[in-house]
Amino acid sequence: MTPSRDISRLIEIMAALRDPDTGCPWDIEQTFATIAPYTIEEAHEVAEAIARNDMLDLRDELGDLLLQAVYHARLAEEAGAFSFADVVEAITTKLIRRHPHVFGDADARAAGAAKGIWEKIKAEEMTSRRAERGEAEEAPGLLSGVGRGQPALARALKLQEKASTVGFDWNDPRAVLVKLREEIDEIEAELADREPTRVADEVGDLLFAVVNLARHLRVDPEQALRGANLKFETRFAAIESALAKTGRTPAGATLDEMEALWQAAKTRTDRAP
């Protein structure tokens, strides 16, 4: 088996890895459910490479993400559900159908009705899909089109954006700050009992409110959190470096020592141009 620029070679490699007699033991035992977390992880790594503007990493991460699509398609083919070719046909059909202003007849192209047409056709597709499955027709709610499979942070933002289109929103970021403080107070009230379910509910409410604040301030919450993660990594690495100079590690230092080193690292990074 040799590398290739042809997608068919990737499909062949995946089939070989899944071969029950000669394949890889790890790959053979995987299922849709066990692979799904890797699919999400690879999508995030693509986004991270883009954020770093690292084209070499982006090329590799896109390959890893493509592998996920091939992997799921192989599992489906083994189950007699569909193949990778069916996946390609489905997405090309969808793109052509949802862009009549690009791929349609002269009248559709002249209309230039790109705005709103995607959502309109998507709604029609959902109605058709429900009919195929024999499901009862339901009037779609405003939030019904917000996919449940996306990361919670992104979905919270989408839900809030949708609700805001009908006026269900605050008019001032300061009002969101009041809600944020209210959620913090509710968490504090739960600390006495520490009932896990209620605490988790309140923490979820707090996170939802933080996303709402970011939205009102026109801050991308995902990018903001990525920045905070990087800042934490950099400052903690500075703690490790400073302790290493004295032959120690964080495990052998006190919290006060590490806090002092953290503040020193924070001062240096805050002053950096």
C-alpha atoms as a PDB file:
ATOM      1  CA  MET A   1       0.000   0.000   0.000  1.00  0.00           C
ATOM      2  CA  THR A   2       1.498   3.347  -1.065  1.00  0.00           C
ATOM      3  CA  PRO A   3       0.418   6.959  -0.395  1.00  0.00           C
ATOM      4  CA  SER A   4      -1.616   8.742  -3.044  1.00  0.00           C
ATOM      5  CA  ARG A   5      -3.348  12.033  -3.840  1.00  0.00           C
ATOM      6  CA  ASP A   6      -6.440  10.042  -4.838  1.00  0.00           C
ATOM      7  CA  ILE A   7      -9.274   9.840  -2.284  1.00  0.00           C
ATOM      8  CA  SER A   8      -9.875   6.234  -3.333  1.00  0.00           C
ATOM      9  CA  ARG A   9      -6.542   5.234  -1.777  1.00  0.00           C
ATOM     10  CA  LEU A  10      -7.640   6.639   1.595  1.00  0.00           C
ATOM     11  CA  ILE A  11     -10.856   4.632   1.335  1.00  0.00           C
ATOM     12  CA  GLU A  12      -8.814   1.494   0.524  1.00  0.00           C
ATOM     13  CA  ILE A  13      -6.516   2.086   3.508  1.00  0.00           C
ATOM     14  CA  MET A  14      -9.515   2.485   5.810  1.00  0.00           C
ATOM     15  CA  ALA A  15     -11.014  -0.751   4.516  1.00  0.00           C
ATOM     16  CA  ALA A  16      -7.686  -2.525   5.129  1.00  0.00           C
ATOM     17  CA  LEU A  17      -7.505  -1.188   8.683  1.00  0.00           C
ATOM     18  CA  ARG A  18     -11.021  -2.500   9.349  1.00  0.00           C
ATOM     19  CA  ASP A  19     -10.433  -5.931   7.787  1.00  0.00           C
ATOM     20  CA  PRO A  20     -11.547  -8.429  10.461  1.00  0.00           C
ATOM     21  CA  ASP A  21      -8.717 -10.856   9.622  1.00  0.00           C
ATOM     22  CA  THR A  22      -5.706  -8.701   8.741  1.00  0.00           C
ATOM     23  CA  GLY A  23      -6.636  -5.227   9.979  1.00  0.00           C
ATOM     24  CA  CYS A  24      -5.550  -3.211  13.005  1.00  0.00           C
ATOM     25  CA  PRO A  25      -7.005  -4.605  16.265  1.00  0.00           C
ATOM     26  CA  TRP A  26      -7.751  -1.108  17.576  1.00  0.00           C
ATOM     27  CA  ASP A  27      -9.490   0.050  14.394  1.00  0.00           C
ATOM     28  CA  ILE A  28     -11.510  -3.158  14.138  1.00  0.00           C
ATOM     29  CA  GLU A  29     -13.125  -2.698  17.552  1.00  0.00           C
ATOM     30  CA  GLN A  30     -14.208   0.934  17.004  1.00  0.00           C
ATOM     31  CA  THR A  31     -17.833   2.016  16.564  1.00  0.00           C
ATOM     32  CA  PHE A  32     -19.630   5.229  15.584  1.00  0.00           C
ATOM     33  CA  ALA A  33     -19.886   6.133  19.267  1.00  0.00           C
ATOM     34  CA  THR A  34     -16.209   5.536  20.075  1.00  0.00           C
ATOM     35  CA  ILE A  35     -15.006   7.460  17.015  1.00  0.00           C
ATOM     36  CA  ALA A  36     -17.349  10.446  17.477  1.00  0.00           C
ATOM     37  CA  PRO A  37     -15.198  12.162  20.169  1.00  0.00           C
ATOM     38  CA  TYR A  38     -12.186  12.010  17.845  1.00  0.00           C
ATOM     39  CA  THR A  39     -14.268  13.601  15.096  1.00  0.00           C
ATOM     40  CA  ILE A  40     -15.081  16.548  17.346  1.00  0.00           C
ATOM     41  CA  GLU A  41     -11.463  16.796  18.500  1.00  0.00           C
ATOM     42  CA  GLU A  42     -10.159  16.885  14.927  1.00  0.00           C
ATOM     43  CA  ALA A  43     -12.592  19.660  13.995  1.00  0.00           C
ATOM     44  CA  HIS A  44     -11.288  21.727  16.902  1.00  0.00           C
ATOM     45  CA  GLU A  45      -7.686  21.077  15.846  1.00  0.00           C
ATOM     46  CA  VAL A  46      -8.523  22.379  12.367  1.00  0.00           C
ATOM     47  CA  ALA A  47      -9.873  25.563  13.961  1.00  0.00           C
ATOM     48  CA  GLU A  48      -6.766  25.858  16.126  1.00  0.00           C
ATOM     49  CA  ALA A  49      -4.443  25.577  13.114  1.00  0.00           C
ATOM     50  CA  ILE A  50      -6.453  28.304  11.389  1.00  0.00           C
ATOM     51  CA  ALA A  51      -6.194  30.520  14.476  1.00  0.00           C
ATOM     52  CA  ARG A  52      -2.395  30.079  14.407  1.00  0.00           C
ATOM     53  CA  ASN A  53      -2.312  30.651  10.632  1.00  0.00           C
ATOM     54  CA  ASP A  54      -0.203  27.485  10.407  1.00  0.00           C
ATOM     55  CA  MET A  55      -0.753  26.188   6.888  1.00  0.00           C
ATOM     56  CA  LEU A  56       1.368  23.049   7.354  1.00  0.00           C
ATOM     57  CA  ASP A  57      -0.608  22.047  10.415  1.00  0.00           C
ATOM     58  CA  LEU A  58      -3.867  22.993   8.691  1.00  0.00           C
ATOM     59  CA  ARG A  59      -3.059  20.636   5.813  1.00  0.00           C
ATOM     60  CA  ASP A  60      -2.401  17.773   8.237  1.00  0.00           C
ATOM     61  CA  GLU A  61      -5.399  18.526  10.442  1.00  0.00           C
ATOM     62  CA  LEU A  62      -7.732  18.671   7.430  1.00  0.00           C
ATOM     63  CA  GLY A  63      -6.403  15.230   6.500  1.00  0.00           C
ATOM     64  CA  ASP A  64      -7.194  13.978   9.993  1.00  0.00           C
ATOM     65  CA  LEU A  65     -10.708  15.426   9.718  1.00  0.00           C
ATOM     66  CA  LEU A  66     -11.189  13.836   6.302  1.00  0.00           C
ATOM     67  CA  LEU A  67     -10.157  10.523   7.827  1.00  0.00           C
ATOM     68  CA  GLN A  68     -13.027  10.867  10.284  1.00  0.00           C
ATOM     69  CA  ALA A  69     -15.536  11.164   7.433  1.00  0.00           C
ATOM     70  CA  VAL A  70     -14.009   8.144   5.706  1.00  0.00           C
ATOM     71  CA  TYR A  71     -14.020   6.200   8.991  1.00  0.00           C
ATOM     72  CA  HIS A  72     -17.714   6.814   9.678  1.00  0.00           C
ATOM     73  CA  ALA A  73     -18.595   6.045   6.068  1.00  0.00           C
ATOM     74  CA  ARG A  74     -16.705   2.743   6.293  1.00  0.00           C
ATOM     75  CA  LEU A  75     -18.594   1.786   9.453  1.00  0.00           C
ATOM     76  CA  ALA A  76     -21.867   2.631   7.702  1.00  0.00           C
ATOM     77  CA  GLU A  77     -20.897   0.620   4.622  1.00  0.00           C
ATOM     78  CA  GLU A  78     -20.132  -2.409   6.782  1.00  0.00           C
ATOM     79  CA  ALA A  79     -23.589  -2.018   8.324  1.00  0.00           C
ATOM     80  CA  GLY A  80     -25.185  -1.837   4.854  1.00  0.00           C
ATOM     81  CA  ALA A  81     -26.363   1.743   5.415  1.00  0.00           C
ATOM     82  CA  PHE A  82     -24.393   3.884   2.954  1.00  0.00           C
ATOM     83  CA  SER A  83     -20.922   4.353   1.450  1.00  0.00           C
ATOM     84  CA  PHE A  84     -18.476   7.244   1.162  1.00  0.00           C
ATOM     85  CA  ALA A  85     -19.699   7.772  -2.413  1.00  0.00           C
ATOM     86  CA  ASP A  86     -23.218   8.213  -1.012  1.00  0.00           C
ATOM     87  CA  VAL A  87     -21.894  10.861   1.380  1.00  0.00           C
ATOM     88  CA  VAL A  88     -20.282  12.767  -1.484  1.00  0.00           C
ATOM     89  CA  GLU A  89     -23.452  12.512  -3.570  1.00  0.00           C
ATOM     90  CA  ALA A  90     -25.569  13.738  -0.652  1.00  0.00           C
ATOM     91  CA  ILE A  91     -23.494  16.852   0.000  1.00  0.00           C
ATOM     92  CA  THR A  92     -23.130  17.760  -3.691  1.00  0.00           C
ATOM     93  CA  THR A  93     -26.880  17.371  -4.134  1.00  0.00           C
ATOM     94  CA  LYS A  94     -27.526  19.547  -1.094  1.00  0.00           C
ATOM     95  CA  LEU A  95     -25.147  22.311  -2.197  1.00  0.00           C
ATOM     96  CA  ILE A  96     -26.647  22.468  -5.700  1.00  0.00           C
ATOM     97  CA  ARG A  97     -30.211  22.437  -4.335  1.00  0.00           C
ATOM     98  CA  ARG A  98     -29.513  25.165  -1.767  1.00  0.00           C
ATOM     99  CA  HIS A  99     -27.835  27.496  -4.274  1.00  0.00           C
ATOM    100  CA  PRO A 100     -30.355  27.954  -7.102  1.00  0.00           C
ATOM    101  CA  HIS A 101     -28.987  31.504  -7.507  1.00  0.00           C
ATOM    102  CA  VAL A 102     -25.664  29.913  -8.525  1.00  0.00           C
ATOM    103  CA  PHE A 103     -26.589  26.583 -10.129  1.00  0.00           C
ATOM    104  CA  GLY A 104     -30.206  27.202 -11.128  1.00  0.00           C
ATOM    105  CA  ASP A 105     -31.761  28.481 -14.322  1.00  0.00           C
ATOM    106  CA  ALA A 106     -31.366  32.015 -15.653  1.00  0.00           C
ATOM    107  CA  ASP A 107     -34.415  33.310 -13.739  1.00  0.00           C
ATOM    108  CA  ALA A 108     -33.108  31.994 -10.409  1.00  0.00           C
ATOM    109  CA  ARG A 109     -29.675  33.489 -11.029  1.00  0.00           C
ATOM    110  CA  ALA A 110     -31.112  36.840 -12.067  1.00  0.00           C
ATOM    111  CA  ALA A 111     -33.197  37.033  -8.915  1.00  0.00           C
ATOM    112  CA  GLY A 112     -30.053  36.920  -6.793  1.00  0.00           C
ATOM    113  CA  ALA A 113     -32.160  35.681  -3.892  1.00  0.00           C
ATOM    114  CA  ALA A 114     -29.273  34.370  -1.812  1.00  0.00           C
ATOM    115  CA  LYS A 115     -30.485  35.990   1.403  1.00  0.00           C
ATOM    116  CA  GLY A 116     -32.735  33.653   3.316  1.00  0.00           C
ATOM    117  CA  ILE A 117     -32.918  31.024   0.591  1.00  0.00           C
ATOM    118  CA  TRP A 118     -30.616  28.604   2.445  1.00  0.00           C
ATOM    119  CA  GLU A 119     -32.859  28.537   5.509  1.00  0.00           C
ATOM    120  CA  LYS A 120     -36.008  28.283   3.376  1.00  0.00           C
ATOM    121  CA  ILE A 121     -34.736  25.281   1.416  1.00  0.00           C
ATOM    122  CA  LYS A 122     -33.320  23.712   4.581  1.00  0.00           C
ATOM    123  CA  ALA A 123     -36.767  23.932   6.194  1.00  0.00           C
ATOM    124  CA  GLU A 124     -38.308  22.291   3.142  1.00  0.00           C
ATOM    125  CA  GLU A 125     -35.734  19.498   3.372  1.00  0.00           C
ATOM    126  CA  MET A 126     -36.583  18.904   7.027  1.00  0.00           C
ATOM    127  CA  THR A 127     -40.281  18.642   6.146  1.00  0.00           C
ATOM    128  CA  SER A 128     -39.480  16.165   3.385  1.00  0.00           C
ATOM    129  CA  ARG A 129     -37.241  14.120   5.698  1.00  0.00           C
ATOM    130  CA  ARG A 130     -39.963  13.908   8.348  1.00  0.00           C
ATOM    131  CA  ALA A 131     -42.389  12.686   5.694  1.00  0.00           C
ATOM    132  CA  GLU A 132     -39.917  10.006   4.569  1.00  0.00           C
ATOM    133  CA  ARG A 133     -39.639   8.790   8.159  1.00  0.00           C
ATOM    134  CA  GLY A 134     -43.402   8.847   8.679  1.00  0.00           C
ATOM    135  CA  GLU A 135     -43.125  11.474  11.404  1.00  0.00           C
ATOM    136  CA  ALA A 136     -46.009  13.809  12.160  1.00  0.00           C
ATOM    137  CA  GLU A 137     -45.776  17.269  10.653  1.00  0.00           C
ATOM    138  CA  GLU A 138     -44.864  19.863  13.262  1.00  0.00           C
ATOM    139  CA  ALA A 139     -44.585  23.598  13.038  1.00  0.00           C
ATOM    140  CA  PRO A 140     -40.861  24.220  13.487  1.00  0.00           C
ATOM    141  CA  GLY A 141     -39.976  26.340  16.491  1.00  0.00           C
ATOM    142  CA  LEU A 142     -37.592  29.259  16.216  1.00  0.00           C
ATOM    143  CA  LEU A 143     -34.777  27.274  17.839  1.00  0.00           C
ATOM    144  CA  SER A 144     -35.446  23.950  16.115  1.00  0.00           C
ATOM    145  CA  GLY A 145     -32.843  24.593  13.439  1.00  0.00           C
ATOM    146  CA  VAL A 146     -29.994  24.998  15.917  1.00  0.00           C
ATOM    147  CA  GLY A 147     -28.093  21.720  15.661  1.00  0.00           C
ATOM    148  CA  ARG A 148     -27.724  19.710  18.850  1.00  0.00           C
ATOM    149  CA  GLY A 149     -24.500  18.077  17.743  1.00  0.00           C
ATOM    150  CA  GLN A 150     -22.312  21.179  17.835  1.00  0.00           C
ATOM    151  CA  PRO A 151     -20.158  22.103  20.855  1.00  0.00           C
ATOM    152  CA  ALA A 152     -22.123  23.553  23.758  1.00  0.00           C
ATOM    153  CA  LEU A 153     -20.356  26.917  23.632  1.00  0.00           C
ATOM    154  CA  ALA A 154     -21.152  27.424  19.947  1.00  0.00           C
ATOM    155  CA  ARG A 155     -24.724  26.178  20.374  1.00  0.00           C
ATOM    156  CA  ALA A 156     -25.359  28.565  23.278  1.00  0.00           C
ATOM    157  CA  LEU A 157     -24.300  31.448  21.048  1.00  0.00           C
ATOM    158  CA  LYS A 158     -26.546  30.282  18.196  1.00  0.00           C
ATOM    159  CA  LEU A 159     -29.549  29.849  20.494  1.00  0.00           C
ATOM    160  CA  GLN A 160     -29.110  33.357  21.856  1.00  0.00           C
ATOM    161  CA  GLU A 161     -28.688  34.851  18.393  1.00  0.00           C
ATOM    162  CA  LYS A 162     -31.871  33.143  17.185  1.00  0.00           C
ATOM    163  CA  ALA A 163     -33.895  34.289  20.204  1.00  0.00           C
ATOM    164  CA  SER A 164     -32.633  37.848  19.761  1.00  0.00           C
ATOM    165  CA  THR A 165     -34.185  38.025  16.274  1.00  0.00           C
ATOM    166  CA  VAL A 166     -37.644  38.208  17.852  1.00  0.00           C
ATOM    167  CA  GLY A 167     -36.615  40.638  20.573  1.00  0.00           C
ATOM    168  CA  PHE A 168     -35.996  38.089  23.347  1.00  0.00           C
ATOM    169  CA  ASP A 169     -32.803  39.789  24.469  1.00  0.00           C
ATOM    170  CA  TRP A 170     -31.333  42.465  26.692  1.00  0.00           C
ATOM    171  CA  ASN A 171     -30.669  45.873  25.200  1.00  0.00           C
ATOM    172  CA  ASP A 172     -27.568  46.643  27.260  1.00  0.00           C
ATOM    173  CA  PRO A 173     -24.502  44.559  28.220  1.00  0.00           C
ATOM    174  CA  ARG A 174     -24.858  45.928  31.740  1.00  0.00           C
ATOM    175  CA  ALA A 175     -28.136  44.042  32.073  1.00  0.00           C
ATOM    176  CA  VAL A 176     -26.264  40.867  31.184  1.00  0.00           C
ATOM    177  CA  LEU A 177     -23.700  41.682  33.877  1.00  0.00           C
ATOM    178  CA  VAL A 178     -26.523  41.871  36.410  1.00  0.00           C
ATOM    179  CA  LYS A 179     -27.663  38.404  35.278  1.00  0.00           C
ATOM    180  CA  LEU A 180     -24.088  37.154  35.539  1.00  0.00           C
ATOM    181  CA  ARG A 181     -23.808  38.330  39.146  1.00  0.00           C
ATOM    182  CA  GLU A 182     -27.196  36.761  39.877  1.00  0.00           C
ATOM    183  CA  GLU A 183     -25.962  33.387  38.588  1.00  0.00           C
ATOM    184  CA  ILE A 184     -22.781  33.645  40.687  1.00  0.00           C
ATOM    185  CA  ASP A 185     -24.900  34.347  43.768  1.00  0.00           C
ATOM    186  CA  GLU A 186     -27.036  31.276  43.016  1.00  0.00           C
ATOM    187  CA  ILE A 187     -23.929  29.092  42.815  1.00  0.00           C
ATOM    188  CA  GLU A 188     -22.750  30.484  46.135  1.00  0.00           C
ATOM    189  CA  ALA A 189     -26.136  29.648  47.667  1.00  0.00           C
ATOM    190  CA  GLU A 190     -25.767  26.037  46.484  1.00  0.00           C
ATOM    191  CA  LEU A 191     -22.298  25.608  47.998  1.00  0.00           C
ATOM    192  CA  ALA A 192     -23.723  24.871  51.434  1.00  0.00           C
ATOM    193  CA  ASP A 193     -25.589  21.749  50.295  1.00  0.00           C
ATOM    194  CA  ARG A 194     -23.284  20.862  47.379  1.00  0.00           C
ATOM    195  CA  GLU A 195     -26.037  18.829  45.730  1.00  0.00           C
ATOM    196  CA  PRO A 196     -24.292  17.804  42.480  1.00  0.00           C
ATOM    197  CA  THR A 197     -27.256  18.174  40.113  1.00  0.00           C
ATOM    198  CA  ARG A 198     -28.256  21.630  41.335  1.00  0.00           C
ATOM    199  CA  VAL A 199     -24.648  22.857  41.341  1.00  0.00           C
ATOM    200  CA  ALA A 200     -24.178  21.597  37.767  1.00  0.00           C
ATOM    201  CA  ASP A 201     -27.392  23.385  36.717  1.00  0.00           C
ATOM    202  CA  GLU A 202     -26.225  26.662  38.222  1.00  0.00           C
ATOM    203  CA  VAL A 203     -22.762  26.379  36.665  1.00  0.00           C
ATOM    204  CA  GLY A 204     -24.440  25.772  33.309  1.00  0.00           C
ATOM    205  CA  ASP A 205     -26.561  28.896  33.788  1.00  0.00           C
ATOM    206  CA  LEU A 206     -23.415  30.882  34.603  1.00  0.00           C
ATOM    207  CA  LEU A 207     -21.621  29.671  31.469  1.00  0.00           C
ATOM    208  CA  PHE A 208     -24.679  30.496  29.344  1.00  0.00           C
ATOM    209  CA  ALA A 209     -24.725  33.998  30.807  1.00  0.00           C
ATOM    210  CA  VAL A 210     -20.997  34.459  30.072  1.00  0.00           C
ATOM    211  CA  VAL A 211     -21.607  33.543  26.418  1.00  0.00           C
ATOM    212  CA  ASN A 212     -24.450  36.075  26.382  1.00  0.00           C
ATOM    213  CA  LEU A 213     -22.146  38.775  27.739  1.00  0.00           C
ATOM    214  CA  ALA A 214     -19.524  37.969  25.106  1.00  0.00           C
ATOM    215  CA  ARG A 215     -22.170  38.200  22.384  1.00  0.00           C
ATOM    216  CA  HIS A 216     -23.328  41.615  23.572  1.00  0.00           C
ATOM    217  CA  LEU A 217     -19.739  42.843  23.656  1.00  0.00           C
ATOM    218  CA  ARG A 218     -19.167  41.454  20.134  1.00  0.00           C
ATOM    219  CA  VAL A 219     -16.529  39.059  21.427  1.00  0.00           C
ATOM    220  CA  ASP A 220     -16.263  35.567  19.952  1.00  0.00           C
ATOM    221  CA  PRO A 221     -16.501  33.410  23.111  1.00  0.00           C
ATOM    222  CA  GLU A 222     -14.611  30.503  21.523  1.00  0.00           C
ATOM    223  CA  GLN A 223     -11.704  32.700  20.471  1.00  0.00           C
ATOM    224  CA  ALA A 224     -11.725  34.488  23.811  1.00  0.00           C
ATOM    225  CA  LEU A 225     -11.497  31.191  25.663  1.00  0.00           C
ATOM    226  CA  ARG A 226      -8.722  29.982  23.350  1.00  0.00           C
ATOM    227  CA  GLY A 227      -6.806  33.139  24.210  1.00  0.00           C
ATOM    228  CA  ALA A 228      -7.349  32.571  27.914  1.00  0.00           C
ATOM    229  CA  ASN A 229      -6.158  28.965  27.571  1.00  0.00           C
ATOM    230  CA  LEU A 230      -2.988  30.092  25.817  1.00  0.00           C
ATOM    231  CA  LYS A 231      -2.384  32.748  28.466  1.00  0.00           C
ATOM    232  CA  PHE A 232      -2.784  30.148  31.232  1.00  0.00           C
ATOM    233  CA  GLU A 233      -0.391  27.738  29.493  1.00  0.00           C
ATOM    234  CA  THR A 234       2.234  30.460  29.023  1.00  0.00           C
ATOM    235  CA  ARG A 235       2.100  31.644  32.618  1.00  0.00           C
ATOM    236  CA  PHE A 236       2.095  28.131  34.076  1.00  0.00           C
ATOM    237  CA  ALA A 237       5.100  27.260  31.899  1.00  0.00           C
ATOM    238  CA  ALA A 238       6.834  30.305  33.413  1.00  0.00           C
ATOM    239  CA  ILE A 239       6.145  28.899  36.894  1.00  0.00           C
ATOM    240  CA  GLU A 240       7.657  25.548  35.886  1.00  0.00           C
ATOM    241  CA  SER A 241      10.686  27.264  34.341  1.00  0.00           C
ATOM    242  CA  ALA A 242      11.339  29.412  37.402  1.00  0.00           C
ATOM    243  CA  LEU A 243      11.054  26.447  39.756  1.00  0.00           C
ATOM    244  CA  ALA A 244      13.266  24.296  37.514  1.00  0.00           C
ATOM    245  CA  LYS A 245      16.098  26.799  38.003  1.00  0.00           C
ATOM    246  CA  THR A 246      16.089  25.834  41.678  1.00  0.00           C
ATOM    247  CA  GLY A 247      15.789  22.131  40.954  1.00  0.00           C
ATOM    248  CA  ARG A 248      12.116  21.908  41.876  1.00  0.00           C
ATOM    249  CA  THR A 249       8.757  21.255  40.235  1.00  0.00           C
ATOM    250  CA  PRO A 250       5.281  22.640  40.951  1.00  0.00           C
ATOM    251  CA  ALA A 251       4.475  19.487  42.935  1.00  0.00           C
ATOM    252  CA  GLY A 252       7.223  20.434  45.399  1.00  0.00           C
ATOM    253  CA  ALA A 253       6.247  24.103  45.726  1.00  0.00           C
ATOM    254  CA  THR A 254       3.675  25.765  47.935  1.00  0.00           C
ATOM    255  CA  LEU A 255       0.608  27.492  46.537  1.00  0.00           C
ATOM    256  CA  ASP A 256       1.935  30.842  47.788  1.00  0.00           C
ATOM    257  CA  GLU A 257       5.207  30.316  45.907  1.00  0.00           C
ATOM    258  CA  MET A 258       3.410  29.425  42.723  1.00  0.00           C
ATOM    259  CA  GLU A 259       1.030  32.385  43.096  1.00  0.00           C
ATOM    260  CA  ALA A 260       3.992  34.772  43.429  1.00  0.00           C
ATOM    261  CA  LEU A 261       5.597  33.309  40.293  1.00  0.00           C
ATOM    262  CA  TRP A 262       2.243  33.530  38.499  1.00  0.00           C
ATOM    263  CA  GLN A 263       1.910  37.211  39.332  1.00  0.00           C
ATOM    264  CA  ALA A 264       5.472  37.828  38.127  1.00  0.00           C
ATOM    265  CA  ALA A 265       4.710  36.063  34.847  1.00  0.00           C
ATOM    266  CA  LYS A 266       1.464  38.008  34.533  1.00  0.00           C
ATOM    267  CA  THR A 267       3.309  41.298  34.984  1.00  0.00           C
ATOM    268  CA  ARG A 268       5.811  40.355  32.270  1.00  0.00           C
ATOM    269  CA  THR A 269       3.144  39.310  29.756  1.00  0.00           C
ATOM    270  CA  ASP A 270       0.932  42.316  30.507  1.00  0.00           C
ATOM    271  CA  ARG A 271       3.875  44.609  29.730  1.00  0.00           C
ATOM    272  CA  ALA A 272       4.804  42.740  26.555  1.00  0.00           C
ATOM    273  CA  PRO A 273       4.155  44.710  23.356  1.00  0.00           C
END
